Amino acid sequence: MPRPPVAFAVIGALIAVKLALHFGTNAFGPYEFHRDEFLYMAMGEHLRLFRMDFPPFIAMLSELARGLLGDSVFAVRFFPALFGAGLMALAALIARELGGGRFAQGVAALCVLCSPLFMRSATLFQPVVLDQFWWTLGLYALVRWSRKPEPRWWLVFGAACGLGLLSKYSMLIFGLAVLLALAVTPARRALKTPWPWIAAATAFVIGSPSILGQIRLGFPIFDQMGDLRSAQLARVTPLEFLTEHLLWNPATGILLFVGLAALVGSKRFRPFGLAGWSCLWALILLVVLRGKPYYAGPVHPTLFAAGAVVLEAVRIPRWGTVLRWGAATAVVAWGILILPLGFPVLPPGRMEAYVTALGVEGARTTNVGAVERLPQDYADMLGWEEFVESVAGAHRALPPEEREQAAILASNYGEAGAIDFYGPRHGLPGAVSVVGTYWFFGPGEKPGDPTILVGFKRDEIGDFFTTLDSAAYWTHPYMVREQRDLTHFVGRGPRQTLQQLWPRFEGTQ
């Protein structure tokens, strides 16, 4: 099957639109940093390559972005936008490898552009878009190898998996899915050659910082996954997992499932069964493990590509052209309708009116099941600088001799990260927190007399101090429930120093 030429003009134009949307909203949008972004910037400042509880690529990328471009929202989110554009290019190139011409390549890229999943992931400085990119690069390598079994594509596959493991542990699911796909397709003949094994070795060498970090820290991932499963994943049903892919954009969702069926069952795509069965096994594993629907995002670009090639091949007399361009139009129309769910273009008040008018309660449901005024990612991009100013007010109110010795203990990584980011301009010391990754940063050197306590309820902390006084009150109309209506306390006379207290909180999430 000859490969059509690359549709450079179409792909380039769509990528330009995507980058313009990202760069524009990042530079001039009405929101600030996301709570997770504060954590990843803090991880960069505490970078210990072989001793981190979280894959370190995002921390390294944080240091690179801030070192090259500065501390603005635009600077920190610059690389996610580029990875998002790369996803569009890979989707189009996979369509080409599957035999798709300019129309199929354009539709594949268009599906990535018009899905709110990929809008949002490439907007925020999080590992999600990295995960999507590395999986898709790995699938592209498998498609290229399936077309012409050259050993170099196994090396590309291994490098993609290694960088994926350096970015997110879900790459292990992808690796298992590919192994299962090899077992059920004729591609298993490759296992008799050294190249898949060299690819596996390459992946583990490149991803070794993630693996060694887990070993050296006692596998904290098991505690993290246990807490995630009980707090969030337990509510995800298989039906919800599958239908969510249609709700993001029904037009792209239909092409997604058409592409999956074609890659797995169509005679035309039989040579590419390894990629198709890898996608199918990944979906099955995620359903069994009760993963969130967006965890399956990394297989979407490949399935979009297959669906676009099927659509391009439709040759119904008189109606073929109408169907093809009607489907492309539906992708764009829905993408425009739900664009505010993917790009932070509307200020909070207008965004609240928009999601209310949309009538999709799931868009406003948080990770813990509460229904808020805004989607959680938007609520988590509001109020942080004002929040830190309220903490600074409590700090300034301390007598000078106490101010020098005061420690700040935050109840979660969002609070701690915001204090670390905005705090220096207000004269605040760095924050400490006993939760998650911040616990591994340690308690600092100050014993905690006094301690400014942020985000706690009185009955959670009263036993740790001789006296506990209210110091400031904080609220915000749009932040999530657990982050608004907070009282900052000042604790004096700690019954144990922070250094003595720290070990008892190991594994707290």
Protein backbone atom coordinates (compact mmCIF):
# COMPACT_ATOMS: atom_id res chain seq x y z
CA MET A 1 0.00 0.00 0.00
CA PRO A 2 1.78 3.19 -1.15
CA ARG A 3 1.93 6.11 1.23
CA PRO A 4 0.22 9.33 0.12
CA PRO A 5 2.21 12.57 0.39
CA VAL A 6 2.21 14.46 3.67
CA ALA A 7 -0.48 17.17 3.76
CA PHE A 8 1.93 19.84 5.03
CA ALA A 9 -0.32 22.82 4.32
CA VAL A 10 -3.40 21.35 6.02
CA ILE A 11 -1.53 20.04 9.04
CA GLY A 12 0.48 23.24 9.39
CA ALA A 13 -2.61 25.43 9.27
CA LEU A 14 -4.39 23.37 11.95
CA ILE A 15 -1.32 23.36 14.19
CA ALA A 16 -1.07 27.15 13.80
CA VAL A 17 -4.68 27.48 14.99
CA LYS A 18 -3.99 25.29 18.01
CA LEU A 19 -0.83 27.15 19.01
CA ALA A 20 -2.55 30.51 18.57
CA LEU A 21 -5.33 29.42 20.94
CA HIS A 22 -2.90 28.10 23.53
CA PHE A 23 -0.45 30.99 23.39
CA GLY A 24 -3.25 33.55 23.40
CA THR A 25 -5.11 32.15 26.41
CA ASN A 26 -1.86 31.49 28.28
CA ALA A 27 -0.65 35.04 27.75
CA PHE A 28 -3.91 36.96 28.13
CA GLY A 29 -6.41 34.57 29.74
CA PRO A 30 -8.38 35.39 32.90
CA TYR A 31 -6.90 32.55 35.01
CA GLU A 32 -3.66 31.98 36.87
CA PHE A 33 -1.67 28.83 37.60
CA HIS A 34 -3.38 25.53 38.34
CA ARG A 35 -2.79 23.97 41.75
CA ASP A 36 -0.96 21.01 40.14
CA GLU A 37 1.38 23.37 38.33
CA PHE A 38 2.59 24.74 41.66
CA LEU A 39 3.49 21.19 42.69
CA TYR A 40 5.45 20.48 39.52
CA MET A 41 7.35 23.75 39.83
CA ALA A 42 8.17 22.85 43.44
CA MET A 43 9.34 19.43 42.28
CA GLY A 44 11.69 21.16 39.86
CA GLU A 45 13.13 23.20 42.72
CA HIS A 46 13.61 20.00 44.76
CA LEU A 47 14.84 17.91 41.83
CA ARG A 48 16.59 14.72 42.90
CA LEU A 49 16.65 12.67 39.72
CA PHE A 50 16.95 9.19 41.23
CA ARG A 51 15.08 9.81 44.46
CA MET A 52 11.63 11.15 43.63
CA ASP A 53 8.22 9.65 44.34
CA PHE A 54 6.93 10.92 40.99
CA PRO A 55 8.37 10.50 37.47
CA PRO A 56 10.83 13.39 37.16
CA PHE A 57 10.41 14.51 33.53
CA ILE A 58 7.78 17.12 34.45
CA ALA A 59 10.10 18.54 37.11
CA MET A 60 12.97 18.77 34.65
CA LEU A 61 10.69 20.40 32.10
CA SER A 62 9.63 22.93 34.73
CA GLU A 63 13.21 23.95 35.36
CA LEU A 64 13.89 24.17 31.62
CA ALA A 65 10.83 26.34 30.94
CA ARG A 66 11.43 28.67 33.87
CA GLY A 67 15.15 28.91 33.12
CA LEU A 68 14.58 29.79 29.46
CA LEU A 69 11.33 31.75 29.55
CA GLY A 70 10.64 32.89 33.12
CA ASP A 71 7.81 32.43 35.63
CA SER A 72 4.78 33.64 33.68
CA VAL A 73 1.80 31.41 32.91
CA PHE A 74 2.76 31.65 29.23
CA ALA A 75 6.32 30.50 29.96
CA VAL A 76 5.39 27.53 32.13
CA ARG A 77 2.71 26.35 29.68
CA PHE A 78 4.82 26.85 26.57
CA PHE A 79 6.04 23.26 26.28
CA PRO A 80 2.63 21.60 26.87
CA ALA A 81 1.33 23.60 23.91
CA LEU A 82 4.19 22.30 21.76
CA PHE A 83 3.55 18.71 22.83
CA GLY A 84 -0.13 19.20 22.02
CA ALA A 85 0.78 20.42 18.54
CA GLY A 86 3.07 17.41 18.18
CA LEU A 87 0.11 15.14 18.94
CA MET A 88 -1.78 16.64 16.01
CA ALA A 89 1.17 16.03 13.71
CA LEU A 90 1.52 12.42 14.87
CA ALA A 91 -2.20 11.74 14.36
CA ALA A 92 -1.93 13.03 10.78
CA LEU A 93 1.24 11.02 10.11
CA ILE A 94 -0.37 7.83 11.43
CA ALA A 95 -3.31 8.46 9.10
CA ARG A 96 -0.83 8.75 6.25
CA GLU A 97 0.85 5.46 7.20
CA LEU A 98 -2.56 3.80 7.19
CA GLY A 99 -3.09 4.99 3.63
CA GLY A 100 -4.88 8.26 4.28
CA GLY A 101 -4.59 11.18 1.91
CA ARG A 102 -4.86 14.89 2.64
CA PHE A 103 -8.47 14.65 3.77
CA ALA A 104 -7.79 11.81 6.24
CA GLN A 105 -4.65 13.47 7.56
CA GLY A 106 -6.51 16.73 8.06
CA VAL A 107 -9.46 15.06 9.81
CA ALA A 108 -7.13 13.13 12.13
CA ALA A 109 -5.41 16.36 13.16
CA LEU A 110 -8.76 18.13 13.35
CA CYS A 111 -10.12 15.53 15.80
CA VAL A 112 -7.22 16.25 18.16
CA LEU A 113 -7.77 19.99 17.77
CA CYS A 114 -11.51 19.78 18.46
CA SER A 115 -11.51 17.36 21.41
CA PRO A 116 -11.72 19.14 24.79
CA LEU A 117 -9.55 16.38 26.23
CA PHE A 118 -6.59 17.48 24.11
CA MET A 119 -7.41 21.17 24.41
CA ARG A 120 -7.22 20.93 28.21
CA SER A 121 -4.22 18.60 28.43
CA ALA A 122 -2.08 20.86 26.23
CA THR A 123 -3.18 23.94 28.16
CA LEU A 124 -2.06 22.83 31.62
CA PHE A 125 1.48 22.13 32.76
CA GLN A 126 0.81 18.53 33.78
CA PRO A 127 2.20 15.13 32.73
CA VAL A 128 -1.05 14.25 30.91
CA VAL A 129 -0.04 15.72 27.55
CA LEU A 130 3.41 14.13 27.86
CA ASP A 131 1.77 10.76 28.44
CA GLN A 132 -0.45 11.25 25.40
CA PHE A 133 2.50 12.24 23.23
CA TRP A 134 4.81 9.37 24.17
CA TRP A 135 2.10 6.71 23.78
CA THR A 136 1.22 8.13 20.36
CA LEU A 137 4.87 8.25 19.31
CA GLY A 138 5.18 4.61 20.38
CA LEU A 139 2.09 3.66 18.36
CA TYR A 140 3.44 5.58 15.37
CA ALA A 141 6.64 3.51 15.60
CA LEU A 142 4.58 0.29 15.68
CA VAL A 143 2.61 1.38 12.63
CA ARG A 144 5.82 2.22 10.75
CA TRP A 145 7.33 -1.14 11.71
CA SER A 146 4.16 -2.93 10.62
CA ARG A 147 4.42 -1.28 7.21
CA LYS A 148 8.12 -2.07 6.82
CA PRO A 149 9.74 -4.10 9.64
CA GLU A 150 12.93 -2.12 10.08
CA PRO A 151 14.73 -2.51 13.43
CA ARG A 152 15.06 1.25 13.93
CA TRP A 153 11.35 1.52 14.69
CA TRP A 154 11.77 -0.75 17.69
CA LEU A 155 14.43 1.67 18.93
CA VAL A 156 12.02 4.58 18.47
CA PHE A 157 9.35 2.57 20.29
CA GLY A 158 11.75 1.84 23.17
CA ALA A 159 12.81 5.47 23.46
CA ALA A 160 9.16 6.61 23.47
CA CYS A 161 8.31 4.11 26.22
CA GLY A 162 11.34 5.16 28.25
CA LEU A 163 10.48 8.84 28.04
CA GLY A 164 6.87 7.92 28.83
CA LEU A 165 8.00 6.04 31.94
CA LEU A 166 10.01 9.10 32.87
CA SER A 167 6.78 11.12 32.57
CA LYS A 168 3.98 8.93 33.95
CA TYR A 169 3.71 5.41 35.36
CA SER A 170 0.75 4.64 33.09
CA MET A 171 3.35 3.85 30.41
CA LEU A 172 3.53 0.44 32.11
CA ILE A 173 -0.06 -0.17 31.02
CA PHE A 174 0.91 0.70 27.46
CA GLY A 175 3.85 -1.70 27.60
CA LEU A 176 1.63 -4.50 28.87
CA ALA A 177 -0.98 -3.74 26.19
CA VAL A 178 1.65 -3.99 23.44
CA LEU A 179 2.93 -7.27 24.88
CA LEU A 180 -0.60 -8.71 24.86
CA ALA A 181 -1.09 -7.43 21.32
CA LEU A 182 2.09 -9.18 20.22
CA ALA A 183 0.75 -12.40 21.71
CA VAL A 184 -2.50 -12.34 19.69
CA THR A 185 -1.25 -11.05 16.33
CA PRO A 186 1.18 -12.39 13.72
CA ALA A 187 3.57 -9.66 14.86
CA ARG A 188 4.64 -12.06 17.63
CA ARG A 189 7.26 -13.31 15.19
CA ALA A 190 9.20 -10.22 16.15
CA LEU A 191 9.76 -11.70 19.60
CA LYS A 192 12.14 -14.20 17.98
CA THR A 193 14.40 -11.29 17.03
CA PRO A 194 16.45 -9.23 19.49
CA TRP A 195 14.80 -5.90 18.64
CA PRO A 196 11.73 -5.93 20.90
CA TRP A 197 13.95 -6.96 23.80
CA ILE A 198 16.43 -4.20 22.96
CA ALA A 199 13.47 -1.80 22.89
CA ALA A 200 12.39 -3.01 26.35
CA ALA A 201 15.94 -2.56 27.69
CA THR A 202 16.09 0.93 26.16
CA ALA A 203 12.81 1.86 27.81
CA PHE A 204 13.94 0.72 31.24
CA VAL A 205 17.32 2.46 30.96
CA ILE A 206 15.76 5.78 29.96
CA GLY A 207 13.00 5.38 32.55
CA SER A 208 15.35 4.19 35.30
CA PRO A 209 15.06 7.38 37.40
CA SER A 210 11.35 6.67 37.86
CA ILE A 211 12.00 3.04 38.78
CA LEU A 212 14.93 3.72 41.10
CA GLY A 213 13.02 6.52 42.82
CA GLN A 214 10.25 4.06 43.72
CA ILE A 215 12.72 1.45 44.95
CA ARG A 216 14.71 3.89 47.07
CA LEU A 217 11.58 5.44 48.63
CA GLY A 218 9.82 2.16 49.36
CA PHE A 219 7.31 2.19 46.45
CA PRO A 220 5.11 5.11 47.51
CA ILE A 221 3.13 4.59 44.31
CA PHE A 222 1.16 1.82 46.03
CA ASP A 223 -0.04 4.20 48.75
CA GLN A 224 -0.82 6.84 46.14
CA MET A 225 -2.82 4.42 43.97
CA GLY A 226 -4.67 3.03 46.98
CA ASP A 227 -5.80 6.49 48.03
CA LEU A 228 -6.69 7.43 44.45
CA ARG A 229 -8.70 4.25 43.98
CA SER A 230 -10.71 4.72 47.17
CA ALA A 231 -11.28 8.47 46.75
CA GLN A 232 -11.85 8.80 42.99
CA LEU A 233 -11.62 5.66 40.87
CA ALA A 234 -14.19 3.67 42.83
CA ARG A 235 -16.96 5.76 41.26
CA VAL A 236 -15.90 5.10 37.65
CA THR A 237 -18.08 2.44 35.99
CA PRO A 238 -17.23 0.69 32.69
CA LEU A 239 -20.26 2.32 31.04
CA GLU A 240 -19.19 5.78 32.22
CA PHE A 241 -15.66 5.07 31.02
CA LEU A 242 -16.85 4.29 27.48
CA THR A 243 -19.62 6.87 27.10
CA GLU A 244 -17.40 9.72 28.27
CA HIS A 245 -15.43 9.43 25.03
CA LEU A 246 -18.60 10.22 23.09
CA LEU A 247 -19.60 13.10 25.35
CA TRP A 248 -16.36 15.02 24.83
CA ASN A 249 -17.22 15.37 21.15
CA PRO A 250 -19.77 12.96 19.64
CA ALA A 251 -18.32 13.35 16.13
CA THR A 252 -14.77 12.50 17.20
CA GLY A 253 -16.13 9.79 19.51
CA ILE A 254 -17.84 8.03 16.60
CA LEU A 255 -14.66 8.21 14.51
CA LEU A 256 -12.75 6.88 17.53
CA PHE A 257 -14.83 3.70 17.77
CA VAL A 258 -14.98 3.30 13.99
CA GLY A 259 -11.18 3.51 13.96
CA LEU A 260 -10.85 0.92 16.73
CA ALA A 261 -13.17 -1.53 14.94
CA ALA A 262 -11.32 -1.00 11.67
CA LEU A 263 -7.83 -1.43 13.12
CA VAL A 264 -8.81 -4.63 14.91
CA GLY A 265 -11.24 -6.21 12.46
CA SER A 266 -10.84 -4.74 8.97
CA LYS A 267 -9.01 -6.63 6.24
CA ARG A 268 -7.61 -3.36 4.91
CA PHE A 269 -5.86 -2.64 8.23
CA ARG A 270 -4.77 -6.21 8.96
CA PRO A 271 -1.07 -5.36 8.53
CA PHE A 272 -1.47 -2.81 11.34
CA GLY A 273 -3.16 -5.16 13.79
CA LEU A 274 -0.37 -4.72 16.33
CA ALA A 275 -1.27 -1.05 16.82
CA GLY A 276 -5.01 -1.77 16.82
CA TRP A 277 -4.82 -4.57 19.36
CA SER A 278 -2.46 -2.48 21.52
CA CYS A 279 -5.15 0.22 21.67
CA LEU A 280 -7.86 -2.35 22.43
CA TRP A 281 -5.88 -4.04 25.17
CA ALA A 282 -5.05 -0.65 26.70
CA LEU A 283 -8.78 0.18 26.85
CA ILE A 284 -9.59 -3.21 28.38
CA LEU A 285 -6.89 -2.84 31.02
CA LEU A 286 -8.08 0.66 31.93
CA VAL A 287 -11.68 -0.53 32.26
CA VAL A 288 -10.59 -3.44 34.49
CA LEU A 289 -8.43 -1.14 36.62
CA ARG A 290 -11.27 1.40 36.89
CA GLY A 291 -9.23 4.17 35.33
CA LYS A 292 -10.65 7.60 34.68
CA PRO A 293 -11.92 8.07 31.11
CA TYR A 294 -9.19 10.56 30.24
CA TYR A 295 -6.55 7.92 31.01
CA ALA A 296 -7.43 6.43 27.60
CA GLY A 297 -6.60 9.69 25.83
CA PRO A 298 -3.20 8.44 24.60
CA VAL A 299 -4.85 5.94 22.21
CA HIS A 300 -7.25 8.52 20.73
CA PRO A 301 -4.95 10.08 18.09
CA THR A 302 -4.20 6.67 16.57
CA LEU A 303 -7.88 5.71 16.54
CA PHE A 304 -8.83 9.11 15.13
CA ALA A 305 -6.35 8.46 12.33
CA ALA A 306 -7.86 5.07 11.50
CA GLY A 307 -11.40 6.47 11.66
CA ALA A 308 -10.39 9.34 9.35
CA VAL A 309 -8.97 6.90 6.79
CA VAL A 310 -12.23 4.90 6.88
CA LEU A 311 -14.22 8.11 6.42
CA GLU A 312 -12.06 9.17 3.49
CA ALA A 313 -12.67 5.80 1.81
CA VAL A 314 -16.47 6.17 1.86
CA ARG A 315 -17.63 6.16 -1.77
CA ILE A 316 -21.42 6.11 -1.61
CA PRO A 317 -22.78 7.50 -4.89
CA ARG A 318 -23.88 11.11 -4.47
CA TRP A 319 -23.73 10.87 -0.68
CA GLY A 320 -20.08 10.01 -0.10
CA THR A 321 -18.83 13.59 -0.37
CA VAL A 322 -21.71 14.86 1.75
CA LEU A 323 -20.96 12.28 4.46
CA ARG A 324 -17.24 13.01 4.49
CA TRP A 325 -17.53 16.76 4.69
CA GLY A 326 -20.57 16.57 6.94
CA ALA A 327 -18.57 14.53 9.47
CA ALA A 328 -15.66 16.99 9.30
CA THR A 329 -18.07 19.88 9.77
CA ALA A 330 -19.66 18.14 12.77
CA VAL A 331 -16.21 17.72 14.35
CA VAL A 332 -15.51 21.44 13.95
CA ALA A 333 -18.99 22.59 15.01
CA TRP A 334 -18.90 20.60 18.24
CA GLY A 335 -15.34 21.70 18.86
CA ILE A 336 -16.40 25.34 18.65
CA LEU A 337 -19.40 24.72 20.92
CA ILE A 338 -17.33 23.13 23.68
CA LEU A 339 -14.18 25.21 23.13
CA PRO A 340 -14.58 27.02 26.50
CA LEU A 341 -14.37 23.62 28.24
CA GLY A 342 -10.94 23.07 26.77
CA PHE A 343 -9.41 26.54 26.54
CA PRO A 344 -9.75 28.97 29.49
CA VAL A 345 -11.16 31.79 27.39
CA LEU A 346 -14.18 32.82 29.48
CA PRO A 347 -13.79 34.67 32.81
CA PRO A 348 -15.30 32.90 35.85
CA GLY A 349 -18.72 34.56 35.77
CA ARG A 350 -19.27 33.90 32.08
CA MET A 351 -17.82 30.42 32.41
CA GLU A 352 -20.32 29.63 35.17
CA ALA A 353 -23.18 30.83 32.94
CA TYR A 354 -21.81 28.78 30.04
CA VAL A 355 -21.56 25.45 31.91
CA THR A 356 -24.96 26.06 33.48
CA ALA A 357 -26.50 26.63 30.04
CA LEU A 358 -24.70 23.57 28.72
CA GLY A 359 -26.56 21.49 31.31
CA VAL A 360 -23.84 18.86 31.70
CA GLU A 361 -23.45 18.37 35.44
CA GLY A 362 -20.46 16.10 34.94
CA ALA A 363 -18.49 19.09 33.64
CA ARG A 364 -18.79 20.68 37.12
CA THR A 365 -18.28 17.50 39.18
CA THR A 366 -15.00 17.37 41.08
CA ASN A 367 -12.72 14.43 41.74
CA VAL A 368 -14.48 13.80 45.05
CA GLY A 369 -17.98 13.91 43.55
CA ALA A 370 -19.02 17.44 44.56
CA VAL A 371 -20.78 19.69 42.04
CA GLU A 372 -19.22 23.15 41.90
CA ARG A 373 -19.90 26.38 40.01
CA LEU A 374 -17.03 25.79 37.57
CA PRO A 375 -15.22 22.73 36.19
CA GLN A 376 -12.60 21.73 38.73
CA ASP A 377 -9.61 22.59 36.56
CA TYR A 378 -10.96 26.15 36.22
CA ALA A 379 -11.73 26.45 39.93
CA ASP A 380 -8.19 25.23 40.61
CA MET A 381 -6.79 28.13 38.53
CA LEU A 382 -8.33 30.86 40.69
CA GLY A 383 -7.54 32.70 43.88
CA TRP A 384 -4.08 31.42 44.68
CA GLU A 385 -2.22 34.73 44.77
CA GLU A 386 -4.94 36.26 46.96
CA PHE A 387 -4.77 33.16 49.14
CA VAL A 388 -1.04 33.66 49.65
CA GLU A 389 -1.66 37.32 50.47
CA SER A 390 -3.98 36.22 53.29
CA VAL A 391 -1.25 33.95 54.64
CA ALA A 392 1.20 36.85 54.38
CA GLY A 393 -1.20 38.96 56.44
CA ALA A 394 -1.13 36.36 59.21
CA HIS A 395 2.65 36.28 58.99
CA ARG A 396 3.02 40.08 59.18
CA ALA A 397 0.78 40.16 62.25
CA LEU A 398 3.29 38.12 64.25
CA PRO A 399 5.71 39.94 66.56
CA PRO A 400 9.07 40.47 64.81
CA GLU A 401 10.88 37.91 66.96
CA GLU A 402 8.27 35.25 66.13
CA ARG A 403 8.16 36.17 62.46
CA GLU A 404 11.80 35.18 62.00
CA GLN A 405 11.17 31.73 63.48
CA ALA A 406 7.72 31.02 62.05
CA ALA A 407 7.15 27.93 59.95
CA ILE A 408 4.21 27.55 57.56
CA LEU A 409 2.46 24.17 57.47
CA ALA A 410 -0.03 23.66 54.62
CA SER A 411 -2.68 20.97 54.41
CA ASN A 412 -2.15 20.16 50.71
CA TYR A 413 0.31 20.59 47.88
CA GLY A 414 -1.73 23.32 46.16
CA GLU A 415 -1.50 25.58 49.20
CA ALA A 416 2.15 24.72 49.83
CA GLY A 417 3.10 25.18 46.18
CA ALA A 418 1.30 28.53 45.89
CA ILE A 419 3.07 29.77 49.03
CA ASP A 420 6.42 28.63 47.64
CA PHE A 421 5.74 30.38 44.33
CA TYR A 422 4.13 33.65 45.44
CA GLY A 423 5.45 33.76 49.00
CA PRO A 424 8.93 35.23 48.41
CA ARG A 425 7.46 38.49 47.07
CA HIS A 426 5.55 38.80 50.36
CA GLY A 427 8.48 37.92 52.57
CA LEU A 428 7.18 34.45 53.44
CA PRO A 429 9.39 31.46 54.19
CA GLY A 430 8.88 28.30 52.17
CA ALA A 431 5.95 26.09 53.14
CA VAL A 432 6.08 22.52 54.34
CA SER A 433 3.34 19.92 54.06
CA VAL A 434 2.95 16.36 55.28
CA VAL A 435 0.94 15.33 52.22
CA GLY A 436 2.18 13.40 49.17
CA THR A 437 5.29 14.59 47.36
CA TYR A 438 5.73 17.50 49.77
CA TRP A 439 6.37 15.07 52.62
CA PHE A 440 9.50 13.90 50.78
CA PHE A 441 10.76 17.50 50.67
CA GLY A 442 11.06 17.29 54.45
CA PRO A 443 10.10 19.53 57.40
CA GLY A 444 12.74 22.19 56.86
CA GLU A 445 14.96 23.50 59.63
CA LYS A 446 12.50 25.52 61.73
CA PRO A 447 11.10 23.59 64.72
CA GLY A 448 7.64 25.13 64.38
CA ASP A 449 7.27 27.57 67.26
CA PRO A 450 5.24 29.33 66.09
CA THR A 451 3.62 27.60 63.12
CA ILE A 452 1.16 29.23 60.74
CA LEU A 453 -1.31 26.48 59.90
CA VAL A 454 -3.04 26.77 56.55
CA GLY A 455 -6.05 24.76 55.39
CA PHE A 456 -6.64 22.81 58.60
CA LYS A 457 -9.67 22.59 60.85
CA ARG A 458 -9.14 23.36 64.52
CA ASP A 459 -9.98 19.84 65.65
CA GLU A 460 -7.37 18.39 63.26
CA ILE A 461 -4.43 20.27 64.78
CA GLY A 462 -5.41 21.47 68.24
CA ASP A 463 -3.70 18.59 70.04
CA PHE A 464 -0.33 19.39 68.52
CA PHE A 465 0.08 22.82 70.16
CA THR A 466 -0.23 24.33 73.61
CA THR A 467 -2.13 27.30 72.19
CA LEU A 468 -3.95 27.76 68.91
CA ASP A 469 -5.17 31.18 67.79
CA SER A 470 -7.18 32.23 64.75
CA ALA A 471 -5.05 34.54 62.58
CA ALA A 472 -6.88 35.15 59.28
CA TYR A 473 -9.88 34.01 57.30
CA TRP A 474 -9.90 33.09 53.63
CA THR A 475 -12.69 32.40 51.15
CA HIS A 476 -13.24 32.53 47.43
CA PRO A 477 -16.55 32.12 45.60
CA TYR A 478 -15.23 29.86 42.84
CA MET A 479 -12.61 27.66 44.44
CA VAL A 480 -13.58 24.06 45.25
CA ARG A 481 -15.36 23.36 48.52
CA GLU A 482 -12.33 22.06 50.40
CA GLN A 483 -10.31 25.14 49.43
CA ARG A 484 -12.68 27.94 50.46
CA ASP A 485 -13.89 29.19 53.85
CA LEU A 486 -10.59 28.51 55.57
CA THR A 487 -9.22 29.89 58.82
CA HIS A 488 -5.47 30.28 59.19
CA PHE A 489 -4.24 29.49 62.69
CA VAL A 490 -1.09 30.25 64.61
CA GLY A 491 0.08 27.40 66.81
CA ARG A 492 2.49 28.01 69.64
CA GLY A 493 4.20 25.68 72.06
CA PRO A 494 4.34 22.58 69.82
CA ARG A 495 4.29 19.32 71.75
CA GLN A 496 6.82 18.00 69.22
CA THR A 497 9.03 19.81 66.73
CA LEU A 498 8.19 19.46 63.05
CA GLN A 499 11.31 17.33 62.68
CA GLN A 500 10.13 14.95 65.41
CA LEU A 501 6.59 14.90 64.02
CA TRP A 502 7.50 14.24 60.40
CA PRO A 503 8.04 10.43 60.39
CA ARG A 504 4.56 9.68 61.68
CA PHE A 505 3.00 11.18 58.55
CA GLU A 506 4.92 9.07 56.03
CA GLY A 507 2.59 7.90 53.27
CA THR A 508 -0.06 10.54 53.96
CA GLN A 509 -1.97 11.49 50.80
